[in-house]
Amino acid sequence: MNSLITNEHERIQAFYQRMERAMERLRVLMNEYRPVLNGERFLTDAELSERLKLSRRTLQEYRSNGKITYYQIGTKILYKESDIEKLLNDNRQEAYQ
């Protein structure tokens, strides 16, 4: 027996949900995509501030005090992702047991 499949059909709804999840993953990947230079990725001041949950003023203070490595091209500030990872690892504090 033939039946008409509409948008309300369970299988169609499941398909739409899978497609929506895939589209959301693609949106996230597109927003986070950064071309690499010699295998290195660079973050802007605003991106690093958001990722570390620090104010941009705090990052400026870290730069002024020599606590954080950065690149300045004109007025643009960039941070090498590997430098930030190293900084975080070097300043990691072990939990007490």
PDB file of N, CA and C in Angstrom:
ATOM      1  N   MET A   1       0.837  -1.179   0.000  1.00  0.00           N
ATOM      2  CA  MET A   1       0.000   0.000   0.000  1.00  0.00           C
ATOM      3  C   MET A   1       0.881   1.241   0.000  1.00  0.00           C
ATOM      4  N   ASN A   2       0.601   2.136  -0.871  1.00  0.00           N
ATOM      5  CA  ASN A   2       1.362   3.377  -0.980  1.00  0.00           C
ATOM      6  C   ASN A   2       0.790   4.411  -0.027  1.00  0.00           C
ATOM      7  N   SER A   3       1.696   5.166   0.615  1.00  0.00           N
ATOM      8  CA  SER A   3       1.231   6.248   1.485  1.00  0.00           C
ATOM      9  C   SER A   3       2.053   7.489   1.193  1.00  0.00           C
ATOM     10  N   LEU A   4       1.465   8.589   1.424  1.00  0.00           N
ATOM     11  CA  LEU A   4       2.110   9.873   1.184  1.00  0.00           C
ATOM     12  C   LEU A   4       2.982  10.234   2.384  1.00  0.00           C
ATOM     13  N   ILE A   5       4.224  10.554   2.111  1.00  0.00           N
ATOM     14  CA  ILE A   5       5.142  10.957   3.187  1.00  0.00           C
ATOM     15  C   ILE A   5       5.203  12.475   3.181  1.00  0.00           C
ATOM     16  N   THR A   6       4.895  13.087   4.321  1.00  0.00           N
ATOM     17  CA  THR A   6       4.889  14.539   4.444  1.00  0.00           C
ATOM     18  C   THR A   6       5.986  14.977   5.411  1.00  0.00           C
ATOM     19  N   ASN A   7       6.119  16.283   5.573  1.00  0.00           N
ATOM     20  CA  ASN A   7       7.119  16.823   6.507  1.00  0.00           C
ATOM     21  C   ASN A   7       6.879  16.388   7.936  1.00  0.00           C
ATOM     22  N   GLU A   8       5.668  15.992   8.248  1.00  0.00           N
ATOM     23  CA  GLU A   8       5.353  15.574   9.612  1.00  0.00           C
ATOM     24  C   GLU A   8       5.718  14.119   9.878  1.00  0.00           C
ATOM     25  N   HIS A   9       6.095  13.399   8.844  1.00  0.00           N
ATOM     26  CA  HIS A   9       6.440  11.984   8.999  1.00  0.00           C
ATOM     27  C   HIS A   9       7.654  11.854   9.920  1.00  0.00           C
ATOM     28  N   GLU A  10       7.634  10.836  10.744  1.00  0.00           N
ATOM     29  CA  GLU A  10       8.682  10.612  11.746  1.00  0.00           C
ATOM     30  C   GLU A  10      10.079  10.529  11.119  1.00  0.00           C
ATOM     31  N   ARG A  11      10.216   9.836  10.031  1.00  0.00           N
ATOM     32  CA  ARG A  11      11.519   9.680   9.389  1.00  0.00           C
ATOM     33  C   ARG A  11      11.999  11.008   8.783  1.00  0.00           C
ATOM     34  N   ILE A  12      11.092  11.783   8.254  1.00  0.00           N
ATOM     35  CA  ILE A  12      11.451  13.084   7.691  1.00  0.00           C
ATOM     36  C   ILE A  12      11.880  14.023   8.809  1.00  0.00           C
ATOM     37  N   GLN A  13      11.176  14.004   9.926  1.00  0.00           N
ATOM     38  CA  GLN A  13      11.538  14.841  11.072  1.00  0.00           C
ATOM     39  C   GLN A  13      12.928  14.468  11.596  1.00  0.00           C
ATOM     40  N   ALA A  14      13.209  13.161  11.683  1.00  0.00           N
ATOM     41  CA  ALA A  14      14.525  12.704  12.145  1.00  0.00           C
ATOM     42  C   ALA A  14      15.624  13.168  11.183  1.00  0.00           C
ATOM     43  N   PHE A  15      15.335  13.097   9.884  1.00  0.00           N
ATOM     44  CA  PHE A  15      16.293  13.567   8.878  1.00  0.00           C
ATOM     45  C   PHE A  15      16.571  15.058   9.058  1.00  0.00           C
ATOM     46  N   TYR A  16      15.527  15.857   9.214  1.00  0.00           N
ATOM     47  CA  TYR A  16      15.697  17.294   9.417  1.00  0.00           C
ATOM     48  C   TYR A  16      16.526  17.592  10.664  1.00  0.00           C
ATOM     49  N   GLN A  17      16.298  16.845  11.716  1.00  0.00           N
ATOM     50  CA  GLN A  17      17.057  17.060  12.952  1.00  0.00           C
ATOM     51  C   GLN A  17      18.543  16.742  12.742  1.00  0.00           C
ATOM     52  N   ARG A  18      18.828  15.633  12.032  1.00  0.00           N
ATOM     53  CA  ARG A  18      20.228  15.289  11.750  1.00  0.00           C
ATOM     54  C   ARG A  18      20.888  16.364  10.892  1.00  0.00           C
ATOM     55  N   MET A  19      20.171  16.868   9.914  1.00  0.00           N
ATOM     56  CA  MET A  19      20.710  17.916   9.044  1.00  0.00           C
ATOM     57  C   MET A  19      20.957  19.209   9.830  1.00  0.00           C
ATOM     58  N   GLU A  20      20.065  19.545  10.735  1.00  0.00           N
ATOM     59  CA  GLU A  20      20.239  20.751  11.550  1.00  0.00           C
ATOM     60  C   GLU A  20      21.465  20.627  12.450  1.00  0.00           C
ATOM     61  N   ARG A  21      21.688  19.450  13.046  1.00  0.00           N
ATOM     62  CA  ARG A  21      22.885  19.233  13.877  1.00  0.00           C
ATOM     63  C   ARG A  21      24.148  19.344  13.030  1.00  0.00           C
ATOM     64  N   ALA A  22      24.115  18.779  11.827  1.00  0.00           N
ATOM     65  CA  ALA A  22      25.273  18.855  10.938  1.00  0.00           C
ATOM     66  C   ALA A  22      25.544  20.309  10.538  1.00  0.00           C
ATOM     67  N   MET A  23      24.506  21.057  10.249  1.00  0.00           N
ATOM     68  CA  MET A  23      24.670  22.468   9.889  1.00  0.00           C
ATOM     69  C   MET A  23      25.254  23.263  11.054  1.00  0.00           C
ATOM     70  N   GLU A  24      24.821  22.966  12.262  1.00  0.00           N
ATOM     71  CA  GLU A  24      25.346  23.673  13.434  1.00  0.00           C
ATOM     72  C   GLU A  24      26.828  23.364  13.614  1.00  0.00           C
ATOM     73  N   ARG A  25      27.228  22.107  13.424  1.00  0.00           N
ATOM     74  CA  ARG A  25      28.646  21.753  13.518  1.00  0.00           C
ATOM     75  C   ARG A  25      29.463  22.496  12.458  1.00  0.00           C
ATOM     76  N   LEU A  26      28.924  22.590  11.257  1.00  0.00           N
ATOM     77  CA  LEU A  26      29.612  23.325  10.196  1.00  0.00           C
ATOM     78  C   LEU A  26      29.746  24.805  10.534  1.00  0.00           C
ATOM     79  N   ARG A  27      28.704  25.397  11.118  1.00  0.00           N
ATOM     80  CA  ARG A  27      28.765  26.808  11.510  1.00  0.00           C
ATOM     81  C   ARG A  27      29.889  27.031  12.525  1.00  0.00           C
ATOM     82  N   VAL A  28      29.974  26.137  13.508  1.00  0.00           N
ATOM     83  CA  VAL A  28      31.022  26.248  14.530  1.00  0.00           C
ATOM     84  C   VAL A  28      32.400  26.128  13.891  1.00  0.00           C
ATOM     85  N   LEU A  29      32.575  25.138  13.024  1.00  0.00           N
ATOM     86  CA  LEU A  29      33.868  24.958  12.357  1.00  0.00           C
ATOM     87  C   LEU A  29      34.235  26.168  11.513  1.00  0.00           C
ATOM     88  N   MET A  30      33.277  26.727  10.802  1.00  0.00           N
ATOM     89  CA  MET A  30      33.554  27.895   9.967  1.00  0.00           C
ATOM     90  C   MET A  30      33.928  29.105  10.811  1.00  0.00           C
ATOM     91  N   ASN A  31      33.293  29.276  11.960  1.00  0.00           N
ATOM     92  CA  ASN A  31      33.602  30.407  12.837  1.00  0.00           C
ATOM     93  C   ASN A  31      34.966  30.264  13.487  1.00  0.00           C
ATOM     94  N   GLU A  32      35.386  29.031  13.753  1.00  0.00           N
ATOM     95  CA  GLU A  32      36.656  28.796  14.442  1.00  0.00           C
ATOM     96  C   GLU A  32      37.823  28.578  13.484  1.00  0.00           C
ATOM     97  N   TYR A  33      37.550  28.436  12.204  1.00  0.00           N
ATOM     98  CA  TYR A  33      38.609  28.141  11.245  1.00  0.00           C
ATOM     99  C   TYR A  33      39.594  29.300  11.150  1.00  0.00           C
ATOM    100  N   ARG A  34      40.844  28.958  11.241  1.00  0.00           N
ATOM    101  CA  ARG A  34      41.921  29.931  11.073  1.00  0.00           C
ATOM    102  C   ARG A  34      42.974  29.276  10.194  1.00  0.00           C
ATOM    103  N   PRO A  35      43.300  29.911   9.076  1.00  0.00           N
ATOM    104  CA  PRO A  35      44.405  29.353   8.278  1.00  0.00           C
ATOM    105  C   PRO A  35      45.688  29.390   9.094  1.00  0.00           C
ATOM    106  N   VAL A  36      46.569  28.463   8.852  1.00  0.00           N
ATOM    107  CA  VAL A  36      47.796  28.383   9.639  1.00  0.00           C
ATOM    108  C   VAL A  36      48.980  28.941   8.861  1.00  0.00           C
ATOM    109  N   LEU A  37      49.941  29.472   9.597  1.00  0.00           N
ATOM    110  CA  LEU A  37      51.204  29.955   9.036  1.00  0.00           C
ATOM    111  C   LEU A  37      52.310  29.083   9.604  1.00  0.00           C
ATOM    112  N   ASN A  38      52.965  28.334   8.747  1.00  0.00           N
ATOM    113  CA  ASN A  38      54.009  27.403   9.190  1.00  0.00           C
ATOM    114  C   ASN A  38      53.525  26.489  10.313  1.00  0.00           C
ATOM    115  N   GLY A  39      52.294  26.065  10.241  1.00  0.00           N
ATOM    116  CA  GLY A  39      51.746  25.169  11.255  1.00  0.00           C
ATOM    117  C   GLY A  39      51.314  25.872  12.532  1.00  0.00           C
ATOM    118  N   GLU A  40      51.428  27.183  12.584  1.00  0.00           N
ATOM    119  CA  GLU A  40      51.050  27.948  13.780  1.00  0.00           C
ATOM    120  C   GLU A  40      49.734  28.667  13.555  1.00  0.00           C
ATOM    121  N   ARG A  41      48.966  28.759  14.621  1.00  0.00           N
ATOM    122  CA  ARG A  41      47.726  29.516  14.593  1.00  0.00           C
ATOM    123  C   ARG A  41      47.888  30.730  15.496  1.00  0.00           C
ATOM    124  N   PHE A  42      47.284  31.826  15.101  1.00  0.00           N
ATOM    125  CA  PHE A  42      47.392  33.067  15.849  1.00  0.00           C
ATOM    126  C   PHE A  42      46.011  33.526  16.293  1.00  0.00           C
ATOM    127  N   LEU A  43      45.966  34.097  17.491  1.00  0.00           N
ATOM    128  CA  LEU A  43      44.720  34.607  18.061  1.00  0.00           C
ATOM    129  C   LEU A  43      44.810  36.115  18.196  1.00  0.00           C
ATOM    130  N   THR A  44      43.697  36.766  17.985  1.00  0.00           N
ATOM    131  CA  THR A  44      43.653  38.209  18.226  1.00  0.00           C
ATOM    132  C   THR A  44      43.486  38.447  19.721  1.00  0.00           C
ATOM    133  N   ASP A  45      43.637  39.694  20.097  1.00  0.00           N
ATOM    134  CA  ASP A  45      43.444  40.102  21.493  1.00  0.00           C
ATOM    135  C   ASP A  45      42.037  39.725  21.970  1.00  0.00           C
ATOM    136  N   ALA A  46      41.044  40.002  21.144  1.00  0.00           N
ATOM    137  CA  ALA A  46      39.656  39.714  21.516  1.00  0.00           C
ATOM    138  C   ALA A  46      39.418  38.214  21.643  1.00  0.00           C
ATOM    139  N   GLU A  47      39.987  37.420  20.721  1.00  0.00           N
ATOM    140  CA  GLU A  47      39.796  35.962  20.776  1.00  0.00           C
ATOM    141  C   GLU A  47      40.440  35.361  22.016  1.00  0.00           C
ATOM    142  N   LEU A  48      41.664  35.794  22.319  1.00  0.00           N
ATOM    143  CA  LEU A  48      42.349  35.255  23.495  1.00  0.00           C
ATOM    144  C   LEU A  48      41.631  35.671  24.775  1.00  0.00           C
ATOM    145  N   SER A  49      41.177  36.904  24.806  1.00  0.00           N
ATOM    146  CA  SER A  49      40.431  37.396  25.957  1.00  0.00           C
ATOM    147  C   SER A  49      39.206  36.529  26.221  1.00  0.00           C
ATOM    148  N   GLU A  50      38.488  36.199  25.159  1.00  0.00           N
ATOM    149  CA  GLU A  50      37.281  35.374  25.299  1.00  0.00           C
ATOM    150  C   GLU A  50      37.632  33.956  25.730  1.00  0.00           C
ATOM    151  N   ARG A  51      38.662  33.387  25.127  1.00  0.00           N
ATOM    152  CA  ARG A  51      39.027  31.994  25.445  1.00  0.00           C
ATOM    153  C   ARG A  51      39.544  31.827  26.865  1.00  0.00           C
ATOM    154  N   LEU A  52      40.328  32.791  27.334  1.00  0.00           N
ATOM    155  CA  LEU A  52      40.896  32.683  28.683  1.00  0.00           C
ATOM    156  C   LEU A  52      39.997  33.298  29.753  1.00  0.00           C
ATOM    157  N   LYS A  53      38.914  33.921  29.314  1.00  0.00           N
ATOM    158  CA  LYS A  53      37.992  34.601  30.243  1.00  0.00           C
ATOM    159  C   LYS A  53      38.724  35.671  31.043  1.00  0.00           C
ATOM    160  N   LEU A  54      39.573  36.424  30.318  1.00  0.00           N
ATOM    161  CA  LEU A  54      40.298  37.554  30.888  1.00  0.00           C
ATOM    162  C   LEU A  54      39.884  38.806  30.133  1.00  0.00           C
ATOM    163  N   SER A  55      39.934  39.930  30.812  1.00  0.00           N
ATOM    164  CA  SER A  55      39.623  41.175  30.111  1.00  0.00           C
ATOM    165  C   SER A  55      40.785  41.540  29.192  1.00  0.00           C
ATOM    166  N   ARG A  56      40.490  42.328  28.196  1.00  0.00           N
ATOM    167  CA  ARG A  56      41.545  42.787  27.300  1.00  0.00           C
ATOM    168  C   ARG A  56      42.516  43.686  28.056  1.00  0.00           C
ATOM    169  N   ARG A  57      42.030  44.372  29.067  1.00  0.00           N
ATOM    170  CA  ARG A  57      42.891  45.215  29.909  1.00  0.00           C
ATOM    171  C   ARG A  57      43.898  44.340  30.659  1.00  0.00           C
ATOM    172  N   THR A  58      43.448  43.186  31.151  1.00  0.00           N
ATOM    173  CA  THR A  58      44.359  42.267  31.840  1.00  0.00           C
ATOM    174  C   THR A  58      45.432  41.766  30.877  1.00  0.00           C
ATOM    175  N   LEU A  59      45.042  41.441  29.643  1.00  0.00           N
ATOM    176  CA  LEU A  59      46.032  41.018  28.656  1.00  0.00           C
ATOM    177  C   LEU A  59      47.035  42.130  28.397  1.00  0.00           C
ATOM    178  N   GLN A  60      46.562  43.364  28.347  1.00  0.00           N
ATOM    179  CA  GLN A  60      47.459  44.500  28.156  1.00  0.00           C
ATOM    180  C   GLN A  60      48.446  44.595  29.319  1.00  0.00           C
ATOM    181  N   GLU A  61      47.962  44.378  30.521  1.00  0.00           N
ATOM    182  CA  GLU A  61      48.821  44.396  31.715  1.00  0.00           C
ATOM    183  C   GLU A  61      49.874  43.288  31.622  1.00  0.00           C
ATOM    184  N   TYR A  62      49.465  42.091  31.187  1.00  0.00           N
ATOM    185  CA  TYR A  62      50.412  40.985  31.029  1.00  0.00           C
ATOM    186  C   TYR A  62      51.474  41.316  29.982  1.00  0.00           C
ATOM    187  N   ARG A  63      51.072  41.963  28.898  1.00  0.00           N
ATOM    188  CA  ARG A  63      52.041  42.370  27.875  1.00  0.00           C
ATOM    189  C   ARG A  63      53.017  43.388  28.447  1.00  0.00           C
ATOM    190  N   SER A  64      52.492  44.390  29.146  1.00  0.00           N
ATOM    191  CA  SER A  64      53.331  45.460  29.704  1.00  0.00           C
ATOM    192  C   SER A  64      54.323  44.921  30.719  1.00  0.00           C
ATOM    193  N   ASN A  65      53.927  43.881  31.479  1.00  0.00           N
ATOM    194  CA  ASN A  65      54.788  43.302  32.505  1.00  0.00           C
ATOM    195  C   ASN A  65      55.666  42.169  31.975  1.00  0.00           C
ATOM    196  N   GLY A  66      55.573  41.891  30.668  1.00  0.00           N
ATOM    197  CA  GLY A  66      56.398  40.839  30.079  1.00  0.00           C
ATOM    198  C   GLY A  66      55.955  39.433  30.450  1.00  0.00           C
ATOM    199  N   LYS A  67      54.724  39.269  30.892  1.00  0.00           N
ATOM    200  CA  LYS A  67      54.235  37.941  31.279  1.00  0.00           C
ATOM    201  C   LYS A  67      53.756  37.117  30.093  1.00  0.00           C
ATOM    202  N   ILE A  68      53.444  37.796  28.996  1.00  0.00           N
ATOM    203  CA  ILE A  68      52.849  37.102  27.866  1.00  0.00           C
ATOM    204  C   ILE A  68      53.542  37.541  26.577  1.00  0.00           C
ATOM    205  N   THR A  69      53.857  36.577  25.722  1.00  0.00           N
ATOM    206  CA  THR A  69      54.505  36.855  24.450  1.00  0.00           C
ATOM    207  C   THR A  69      53.450  37.264  23.433  1.00  0.00           C
ATOM    208  N   TYR A  70      53.768  38.254  22.623  1.00  0.00           N
ATOM    209  CA  TYR A  70      52.800  38.713  21.624  1.00  0.00           C
ATOM    210  C   TYR A  70      53.530  39.300  20.427  1.00  0.00           C
ATOM    211  N   TYR A  71      52.775  39.510  19.381  1.00  0.00           N
ATOM    212  CA  TYR A  71      53.262  40.156  18.165  1.00  0.00           C
ATOM    213  C   TYR A  71      52.422  41.399  17.954  1.00  0.00           C
ATOM    214  N   GLN A  72      53.062  42.461  17.541  1.00  0.00           N
ATOM    215  CA  GLN A  72      52.328  43.678  17.240  1.00  0.00           C
ATOM    216  C   GLN A  72      52.669  44.123  15.828  1.00  0.00           C
ATOM    217  N   ILE A  73      51.639  44.222  15.017  1.00  0.00           N
ATOM    218  CA  ILE A  73      51.780  44.707  13.639  1.00  0.00           C
ATOM    219  C   ILE A  73      50.903  45.937  13.543  1.00  0.00           C
ATOM    220  N   GLY A  74      51.525  47.096  13.543  1.00  0.00           N
ATOM    221  CA  GLY A  74      50.755  48.338  13.617  1.00  0.00           C
ATOM    222  C   GLY A  74      50.058  48.386  14.963  1.00  0.00           C
ATOM    223  N   THR A  75      48.751  48.500  14.935  1.00  0.00           N
ATOM    224  CA  THR A  75      47.977  48.511  16.188  1.00  0.00           C
ATOM    225  C   THR A  75      47.380  47.151  16.501  1.00  0.00           C
ATOM    226  N   LYS A  76      47.599  46.172  15.622  1.00  0.00           N
ATOM    227  CA  LYS A  76      47.024  44.834  15.796  1.00  0.00           C
ATOM    228  C   LYS A  76      47.923  43.989  16.688  1.00  0.00           C
ATOM    229  N   ILE A  77      47.340  43.363  17.707  1.00  0.00           N
ATOM    230  CA  ILE A  77      48.053  42.473  18.622  1.00  0.00           C
ATOM    231  C   ILE A  77      47.650  41.038  18.289  1.00  0.00           C
ATOM    232  N   LEU A  78      48.661  40.161  18.155  1.00  0.00           N
ATOM    233  CA  LEU A  78      48.425  38.744  17.885  1.00  0.00           C
ATOM    234  C   LEU A  78      49.212  37.900  18.876  1.00  0.00           C
ATOM    235  N   TYR A  79      48.660  36.744  19.186  1.00  0.00           N
ATOM    236  CA  TYR A  79      49.300  35.799  20.093  1.00  0.00           C
ATOM    237  C   TYR A  79      49.412  34.464  19.379  1.00  0.00           C
ATOM    238  N   LYS A  80      50.589  33.844  19.462  1.00  0.00           N
ATOM    239  CA  LYS A  80      50.774  32.525  18.877  1.00  0.00           C
ATOM    240  C   LYS A  80      50.137  31.508  19.823  1.00  0.00           C
ATOM    241  N   GLU A  81      49.272  30.682  19.274  1.00  0.00           N
ATOM    242  CA  GLU A  81      48.546  29.713  20.093  1.00  0.00           C
ATOM    243  C   GLU A  81      49.494  28.814  20.883  1.00  0.00           C
ATOM    244  N   SER A  82      50.593  28.376  20.269  1.00  0.00           N
ATOM    245  CA  SER A  82      51.537  27.504  20.974  1.00  0.00           C
ATOM    246  C   SER A  82      52.224  28.236  22.129  1.00  0.00           C
ATOM    247  N   ASP A  83      52.460  29.545  21.995  1.00  0.00           N
ATOM    248  CA  ASP A  83      53.042  30.322  23.100  1.00  0.00           C
ATOM    249  C   ASP A  83      52.076  30.377  24.284  1.00  0.00           C
ATOM    250  N   ILE A  84      50.798  30.531  23.992  1.00  0.00           N
ATOM    251  CA  ILE A  84      49.798  30.596  25.061  1.00  0.00           C
ATOM    252  C   ILE A  84      49.685  29.242  25.756  1.00  0.00           C
ATOM    253  N   GLU A  85      49.694  28.158  24.974  1.00  0.00           N
ATOM    254  CA  GLU A  85      49.639  26.821  25.572  1.00  0.00           C
ATOM    255  C   GLU A  85      50.849  26.580  26.475  1.00  0.00           C
ATOM    256  N   LYS A  86      52.026  26.991  26.016  1.00  0.00           N
ATOM    257  CA  LYS A  86      53.240  26.839  26.823  1.00  0.00           C
ATOM    258  C   LYS A  86      53.138  27.663  28.103  1.00  0.00           C
ATOM    259  N   LEU A  87      52.677  28.900  27.995  1.00  0.00           N
ATOM    260  CA  LEU A  87      52.515  29.760  29.163  1.00  0.00           C
ATOM    261  C   LEU A  87      51.584  29.108  30.192  1.00  0.00           C
ATOM    262  N   LEU A  88      50.479  28.568  29.714  1.00  0.00           N
ATOM    263  CA  LEU A  88      49.529  27.921  30.626  1.00  0.00           C
ATOM    264  C   LEU A  88      50.148  26.689  31.277  1.00  0.00           C
ATOM    265  N   ASN A  89      50.849  25.874  30.488  1.00  0.00           N
ATOM    266  CA  ASN A  89      51.482  24.674  31.044  1.00  0.00           C
ATOM    267  C   ASN A  89      52.586  25.019  32.031  1.00  0.00           C
ATOM    268  N   ASP A  90      53.360  26.047  31.726  1.00  0.00           N
ATOM    269  CA  ASP A  90      54.446  26.458  32.628  1.00  0.00           C
ATOM    270  C   ASP A  90      53.922  27.000  33.950  1.00  0.00           C
ATOM    271  N   ASN A  91      52.721  27.520  33.951  1.00  0.00           N
ATOM    272  CA  ASN A  91      52.152  28.109  35.165  1.00  0.00           C
ATOM    273  C   ASN A  91      51.099  27.225  35.820  1.00  0.00           C
ATOM    274  N   ARG A  92      51.051  25.971  35.426  1.00  0.00           N
ATOM    275  CA  ARG A  92      50.091  25.025  35.999  1.00  0.00           C
ATOM    276  C   ARG A  92      50.479  24.695  37.436  1.00  0.00           C
ATOM    277  N   GLN A  93      49.505  24.706  38.300  1.00  0.00           N
ATOM    278  CA  GLN A  93      49.715  24.375  39.703  1.00  0.00           C
ATOM    279  C   GLN A  93      49.029  23.033  39.991  1.00  0.00           C
ATOM    280  N   GLU A  94      49.771  22.109  40.543  1.00  0.00           N
ATOM    281  CA  GLU A  94      49.221  20.808  40.882  1.00  0.00           C
ATOM    282  C   GLU A  94      48.288  20.922  42.088  1.00  0.00           C
ATOM    283  N   ALA A  95      47.267  20.111  42.085  1.00  0.00           N
ATOM    284  CA  ALA A  95      46.347  20.051  43.228  1.00  0.00           C
ATOM    285  C   ALA A  95      47.008  19.303  44.376  1.00  0.00           C
ATOM    286  N   TYR A  96      46.666  19.676  45.578  1.00  0.00           N
ATOM    287  CA  TYR A  96      47.185  18.969  46.741  1.00  0.00           C
ATOM    288  C   TYR A  96      46.398  17.680  46.930  1.00  0.00           C
ATOM    289  N   GLN A  97      47.098  16.622  47.301  1.00  0.00           N
ATOM    290  CA  GLN A  97      46.427  15.327  47.529  1.00  0.00           C
ATOM    291  C   GLN A  97      46.132  15.127  48.994  1.00  0.00           C
TER     292      GLN A  97
END
